[in-house]
Structures are given as structure tokens and as C-alpha cells.
């Protein structure tokens, strides 16, 4: 794996973990796993496109 990909994975895991913790502490926010998946998916899409807004390339 490339170093930037490893850094992206680490950032996404940390972001997902923080989101799950916050959602767990405040149940009215929603189901913790669903919120975390949404945030991680959005961050992955943004990091993969390089800010151009298009879909990620394989």
C-alpha cells in the first residue's frame, strides 16, 4: 500500500471512532453505527476524489 492510502485509512478510522463515541454518548443523535458509516462514507468520497466532486476511480 502507498503511504497516503495508509494515512487516509487511519484518518477515516479515527473519524468513525469519534463519531461512534459522540453518537453513543447522545442517543438522541441516532444509531451510532449508522452515523459512523455515513461520516466515513462521506469522508472517503471526499478524500478519494481529490476535491473534484466526481466519483472515485478504481
PDB file of N, CA and C in Angstrom:
ATOM      1  N   UNK A   1       0.831  -1.184   0.000  1.00  0.00           N
ATOM      2  CA  UNK A   1       0.000   0.000   0.000  1.00  0.00           C
ATOM      3  C   UNK A   1       0.873   1.243   0.000  1.00  0.00           C
ATOM      4  N   UNK A   2       0.355   2.302  -0.593  1.00  0.00           N
ATOM      5  CA  UNK A   2       1.053   3.576  -0.570  1.00  0.00           C
ATOM      6  C   UNK A   2       0.900   4.213   0.794  1.00  0.00           C
ATOM      7  N   UNK A   3       1.846   5.070   1.126  1.00  0.00           N
ATOM      8  CA  UNK A   3       1.764   5.775   2.402  1.00  0.00           C
ATOM      9  C   UNK A   3       0.535   6.679   2.498  1.00  0.00           C
ATOM     10  N   UNK A   4       0.156   7.447   1.440  1.00  0.00           N
ATOM     11  CA  UNK A   4      -1.037   8.292   1.566  1.00  0.00           C
ATOM     12  C   UNK A   4      -2.313   7.479   1.815  1.00  0.00           C
ATOM     13  N   UNK A   5      -2.414   6.300   1.220  1.00  0.00           N
ATOM     14  CA  UNK A   5      -3.595   5.468   1.449  1.00  0.00           C
ATOM     15  C   UNK A   5      -3.643   5.011   2.895  1.00  0.00           C
ATOM     16  N   UNK A   6      -2.503   4.651   3.460  1.00  0.00           N
ATOM     17  CA  UNK A   6      -2.464   4.241   4.855  1.00  0.00           C
ATOM     18  C   UNK A   6      -2.878   5.390   5.766  1.00  0.00           C
ATOM     19  N   UNK A   7      -2.451   6.600   5.468  1.00  0.00           N
ATOM     20  CA  UNK A   7      -2.827   7.760   6.256  1.00  0.00           C
ATOM     21  C   UNK A   7      -4.321   8.036   6.136  1.00  0.00           C
ATOM     22  N   UNK A   8      -4.872   7.882   4.925  1.00  0.00           N
ATOM     23  CA  UNK A   8      -6.308   8.077   4.727  1.00  0.00           C
ATOM     24  C   UNK A   8      -7.112   7.081   5.552  1.00  0.00           C
ATOM     25  N   UNK A   9      -6.684   5.837   5.554  1.00  0.00           N
ATOM     26  CA  UNK A   9      -7.396   4.802   6.318  1.00  0.00           C
ATOM     27  C   UNK A   9      -7.361   5.147   7.803  1.00  0.00           C
ATOM     28  N   UNK A  10      -6.213   5.595   8.300  1.00  0.00           N
ATOM     29  CA  UNK A  10      -6.102   5.967   9.704  1.00  0.00           C
ATOM     30  C   UNK A  10      -7.029   7.136  10.036  1.00  0.00           C
ATOM     31  N   UNK A  11      -7.058   8.146   9.181  1.00  0.00           N
ATOM     32  CA  UNK A  11      -7.931   9.300   9.412  1.00  0.00           C
ATOM     33  C   UNK A  11      -9.393   8.869   9.403  1.00  0.00           C
ATOM     34  N   UNK A  12      -9.777   8.016   8.465  1.00  0.00           N
ATOM     35  CA  UNK A  12     -11.160   7.563   8.382  1.00  0.00           C
ATOM     36  C   UNK A  12     -11.553   6.743   9.609  1.00  0.00           C
ATOM     37  N   UNK A  13     -10.664   5.883  10.070  1.00  0.00           N
ATOM     38  CA  UNK A  13     -10.960   5.092  11.268  1.00  0.00           C
ATOM     39  C   UNK A  13     -11.097   5.976  12.504  1.00  0.00           C
ATOM     40  N   UNK A  14     -10.223   6.968  12.644  1.00  0.00           N
ATOM     41  CA  UNK A  14     -10.320   7.883  13.779  1.00  0.00           C
ATOM     42  C   UNK A  14     -11.601   8.708  13.716  1.00  0.00           C
ATOM     43  N   UNK A  15     -11.946   9.181  12.542  1.00  0.00           N
ATOM     44  CA  UNK A  15     -13.163   9.958  12.374  1.00  0.00           C
ATOM     45  C   UNK A  15     -14.391   9.118  12.691  1.00  0.00           C
ATOM     46  N   UNK A  16     -14.411   7.883  12.220  1.00  0.00           N
ATOM     47  CA  UNK A  16     -15.521   6.983  12.519  1.00  0.00           C
ATOM     48  C   UNK A  16     -15.620   6.656  13.994  1.00  0.00           C
ATOM     49  N   UNK A  17     -14.478   6.429  14.634  1.00  0.00           N
ATOM     50  CA  UNK A  17     -14.477   6.137  16.063  1.00  0.00           C
ATOM     51  C   UNK A  17     -14.984   7.304  16.894  1.00  0.00           C
ATOM     52  N   UNK A  18     -14.562   8.509  16.551  1.00  0.00           N
ATOM     53  CA  UNK A  18     -15.042   9.701  17.267  1.00  0.00           C
ATOM     54  C   UNK A  18     -16.542   9.882  17.071  1.00  0.00           C
ATOM     55  N   UNK A  19     -17.008   9.623  15.877  1.00  0.00           N
ATOM     56  CA  UNK A  19     -18.438   9.773  15.593  1.00  0.00           C
ATOM     57  C   UNK A  19     -19.257   8.756  16.375  1.00  0.00           C
ATOM     58  N   UNK A  20     -18.789   7.523  16.433  1.00  0.00           N
ATOM     59  CA  UNK A  20     -19.495   6.491  17.204  1.00  0.00           C
ATOM     60  C   UNK A  20     -19.535   6.875  18.682  1.00  0.00           C
ATOM     61  N   UNK A  21     -18.435   7.379  19.198  1.00  0.00           N
ATOM     62  CA  UNK A  21     -18.392   7.769  20.619  1.00  0.00           C
ATOM     63  C   UNK A  21     -19.384   8.888  20.911  1.00  0.00           C
ATOM     64  N   UNK A  22     -19.402   9.902  20.065  1.00  0.00           N
ATOM     65  CA  UNK A  22     -20.322  11.025  20.266  1.00  0.00           C
ATOM     66  C   UNK A  22     -21.773  10.559  20.160  1.00  0.00           C
ATOM     67  N   UNK A  23     -22.069   9.741  19.160  1.00  0.00           N
ATOM     68  CA  UNK A  23     -23.437   9.252  18.997  1.00  0.00           C
ATOM     69  C   UNK A  23     -23.839   8.333  20.149  1.00  0.00           C
ATOM     70  N   UNK A  24     -22.894   7.596  20.695  1.00  0.00           N
ATOM     71  CA  UNK A  24     -23.188   6.719  21.830  1.00  0.00           C
ATOM     72  C   UNK A  24     -23.481   7.534  23.094  1.00  0.00           C
ATOM     73  N   UNK A  25     -22.748   8.607  23.289  1.00  0.00           N
ATOM     74  CA  UNK A  25     -22.954   9.450  24.462  1.00  0.00           C
ATOM     75  C   UNK A  25     -24.281  10.213  24.395  1.00  0.00           C
ATOM     76  N   UNK A  26     -24.763  10.478  23.192  1.00  0.00           N
ATOM     77  CA  UNK A  26     -26.008  11.220  22.991  1.00  0.00           C
ATOM     78  C   UNK A  26     -26.949  10.387  22.124  1.00  0.00           C
ATOM     79  N   UNK A  27     -27.735   9.492  22.735  1.00  0.00           N
ATOM     80  CA  UNK A  27     -28.579   8.568  21.971  1.00  0.00           C
ATOM     81  C   UNK A  27     -29.583   9.248  21.054  1.00  0.00           C
ATOM     82  N   UNK A  28     -29.984  10.471  21.363  1.00  0.00           N
ATOM     83  CA  UNK A  28     -30.951  11.149  20.513  1.00  0.00           C
ATOM     84  C   UNK A  28     -30.363  11.486  19.142  1.00  0.00           C
ATOM     85  N   UNK A  29     -29.069  11.439  18.997  1.00  0.00           N
ATOM     86  CA  UNK A  29     -28.436  11.719  17.706  1.00  0.00           C
ATOM     87  C   UNK A  29     -28.779  10.622  16.698  1.00  0.00           C
ATOM     88  N   UNK A  30     -28.884   9.405  17.137  1.00  0.00           N
ATOM     89  CA  UNK A  30     -29.231   8.310  16.234  1.00  0.00           C
ATOM     90  C   UNK A  30     -28.443   7.070  16.576  1.00  0.00           C
ATOM     91  N   UNK A  31     -28.578   6.081  15.746  1.00  0.00           N
ATOM     92  CA  UNK A  31     -27.860   4.826  15.946  1.00  0.00           C
ATOM     93  C   UNK A  31     -26.384   5.078  15.636  1.00  0.00           C
ATOM     94  N   UNK A  32     -25.519   4.725  16.584  1.00  0.00           N
ATOM     95  CA  UNK A  32     -24.104   5.064  16.468  1.00  0.00           C
ATOM     96  C   UNK A  32     -23.455   4.458  15.218  1.00  0.00           C
ATOM     97  N   UNK A  33     -23.742   3.236  14.917  1.00  0.00           N
ATOM     98  CA  UNK A  33     -23.123   2.602  13.759  1.00  0.00           C
ATOM     99  C   UNK A  33     -23.565   3.251  12.451  1.00  0.00           C
ATOM    100  N   UNK A  34     -24.818   3.614  12.342  1.00  0.00           N
ATOM    101  CA  UNK A  34     -25.329   4.236  11.124  1.00  0.00           C
ATOM    102  C   UNK A  34     -24.707   5.610  10.909  1.00  0.00           C
ATOM    103  N   UNK A  35     -24.584   6.371  11.955  1.00  0.00           N
ATOM    104  CA  UNK A  35     -23.963   7.688  11.857  1.00  0.00           C
ATOM    105  C   UNK A  35     -22.500   7.554  11.444  1.00  0.00           C
ATOM    106  N   UNK A  36     -21.797   6.621  12.068  1.00  0.00           N
ATOM    107  CA  UNK A  36     -20.379   6.428  11.748  1.00  0.00           C
ATOM    108  C   UNK A  36     -20.189   6.010  10.298  1.00  0.00           C
ATOM    109  N   UNK A  37     -21.034   5.109   9.820  1.00  0.00           N
ATOM    110  CA  UNK A  37     -20.928   4.675   8.427  1.00  0.00           C
ATOM    111  C   UNK A  37     -21.166   5.843   7.474  1.00  0.00           C
ATOM    112  N   UNK A  38     -22.123   6.689   7.774  1.00  0.00           N
ATOM    113  CA  UNK A  38     -22.390   7.847   6.932  1.00  0.00           C
ATOM    114  C   UNK A  38     -21.226   8.816   6.883  1.00  0.00           C
ATOM    115  N   UNK A  39     -20.629   9.096   8.040  1.00  0.00           N
ATOM    116  CA  UNK A  39     -19.499  10.027   8.087  1.00  0.00           C
ATOM    117  C   UNK A  39     -18.284   9.449   7.376  1.00  0.00           C
ATOM    118  N   UNK A  40     -17.992   8.186   7.617  1.00  0.00           N
ATOM    119  CA  UNK A  40     -16.839   7.555   6.984  1.00  0.00           C
ATOM    120  C   UNK A  40     -17.034   7.485   5.472  1.00  0.00           C
ATOM    121  N   UNK A  41     -18.234   7.178   5.019  1.00  0.00           N
ATOM    122  CA  UNK A  41     -18.504   7.120   3.587  1.00  0.00           C
ATOM    123  C   UNK A  41     -18.332   8.485   2.940  1.00  0.00           C
ATOM    124  N   UNK A  42     -18.860   9.511   3.557  1.00  0.00           N
ATOM    125  CA  UNK A  42     -18.717  10.865   3.011  1.00  0.00           C
ATOM    126  C   UNK A  42     -17.252  11.293   2.981  1.00  0.00           C
ATOM    127  N   UNK A  43     -16.515  11.022   4.054  1.00  0.00           N
ATOM    128  CA  UNK A  43     -15.102  11.384   4.088  1.00  0.00           C
ATOM    129  C   UNK A  43     -14.316  10.606   3.042  1.00  0.00           C
ATOM    130  N   UNK A  44     -14.638   9.336   2.862  1.00  0.00           N
ATOM    131  CA  UNK A  44     -13.960   8.532   1.848  1.00  0.00           C
ATOM    132  C   UNK A  44     -14.205   9.090   0.453  1.00  0.00           C
ATOM    133  N   UNK A  45     -15.432   9.471   0.184  1.00  0.00           N
ATOM    134  CA  UNK A  45     -15.754  10.034  -1.126  1.00  0.00           C
ATOM    135  C   UNK A  45     -14.993  11.340  -1.356  1.00  0.00           C
ATOM    136  N   UNK A  46     -14.915  12.180  -0.355  1.00  0.00           N
ATOM    137  CA  UNK A  46     -14.206  13.452  -0.495  1.00  0.00           C
ATOM    138  C   UNK A  46     -12.702  13.247  -0.648  1.00  0.00           C
ATOM    139  N   UNK A  47     -12.131  12.320   0.123  1.00  0.00           N
ATOM    140  CA  UNK A  47     -10.698  12.079   0.040  1.00  0.00           C
ATOM    141  C   UNK A  47     -10.313  11.374  -1.260  1.00  0.00           C
ATOM    142  N   UNK A  48     -11.182  10.541  -1.781  1.00  0.00           N
ATOM    143  CA  UNK A  48     -10.875   9.771  -2.980  1.00  0.00           C
ATOM    144  C   UNK A  48     -10.953  10.610  -4.246  1.00  0.00           C
ATOM    145  N   UNK A  49     -11.765  11.649  -4.248  1.00  0.00           N
ATOM    146  CA  UNK A  49     -11.953  12.425  -5.476  1.00  0.00           C
ATOM    147  C   UNK A  49     -10.924  13.535  -5.621  1.00  0.00           C
ATOM    148  N   UNK A  50     -10.187  13.845  -4.578  1.00  0.00           N
ATOM    149  CA  UNK A  50      -9.235  14.928  -4.654  1.00  0.00           C
ATOM    150  C   UNK A  50      -9.913  16.281  -4.704  1.00  0.00           C
ATOM    151  N   UNK A  51     -11.160  16.369  -4.278  1.00  0.00           N
ATOM    152  CA  UNK A  51     -11.884  17.621  -4.240  1.00  0.00           C
ATOM    153  C   UNK A  51     -12.536  17.998  -5.542  1.00  0.00           C
ATOM    154  N   UNK A  52     -12.476  17.132  -6.558  1.00  0.00           N
ATOM    155  CA  UNK A  52     -13.061  17.477  -7.853  1.00  0.00           C
ATOM    156  C   UNK A  52     -14.558  17.236  -7.881  1.00  0.00           C
ATOM    157  N   UNK A  53     -15.091  16.449  -6.967  1.00  0.00           N
ATOM    158  CA  UNK A  53     -16.507  16.208  -6.899  1.00  0.00           C
ATOM    159  C   UNK A  53     -16.991  15.017  -7.701  1.00  0.00           C
ATOM    160  N   UNK A  54     -16.143  14.389  -8.478  1.00  0.00           N
ATOM    161  CA  UNK A  54     -16.536  13.217  -9.256  1.00  0.00           C
ATOM    162  C   UNK A  54     -16.441  11.954  -8.442  1.00  0.00           C
ATOM    163  N   UNK A  55     -16.920  10.835  -8.989  1.00  0.00           N
ATOM    164  CA  UNK A  55     -16.834   9.573  -8.259  1.00  0.00           C
ATOM    165  C   UNK A  55     -15.384   9.084  -8.180  1.00  0.00           C
ATOM    166  N   UNK A  56     -15.048   8.313  -7.153  1.00  0.00           N
ATOM    167  CA  UNK A  56     -13.682   7.796  -7.031  1.00  0.00           C
ATOM    168  C   UNK A  56     -13.353   6.853  -8.162  1.00  0.00           C
ATOM    169  N   UNK A  57     -12.119   6.872  -8.592  1.00  0.00           N
ATOM    170  CA  UNK A  57     -11.664   5.973  -9.660  1.00  0.00           C
ATOM    171  C   UNK A  57     -11.040   4.743  -9.043  1.00  0.00           C
ATOM    172  N   UNK A  58     -11.270   3.579  -9.633  1.00  0.00           N
ATOM    173  CA  UNK A  58     -10.705   2.337  -9.052  1.00  0.00           C
ATOM    174  C   UNK A  58      -9.208   2.241  -9.234  1.00  0.00           C
TER     175      UNK A  58
END
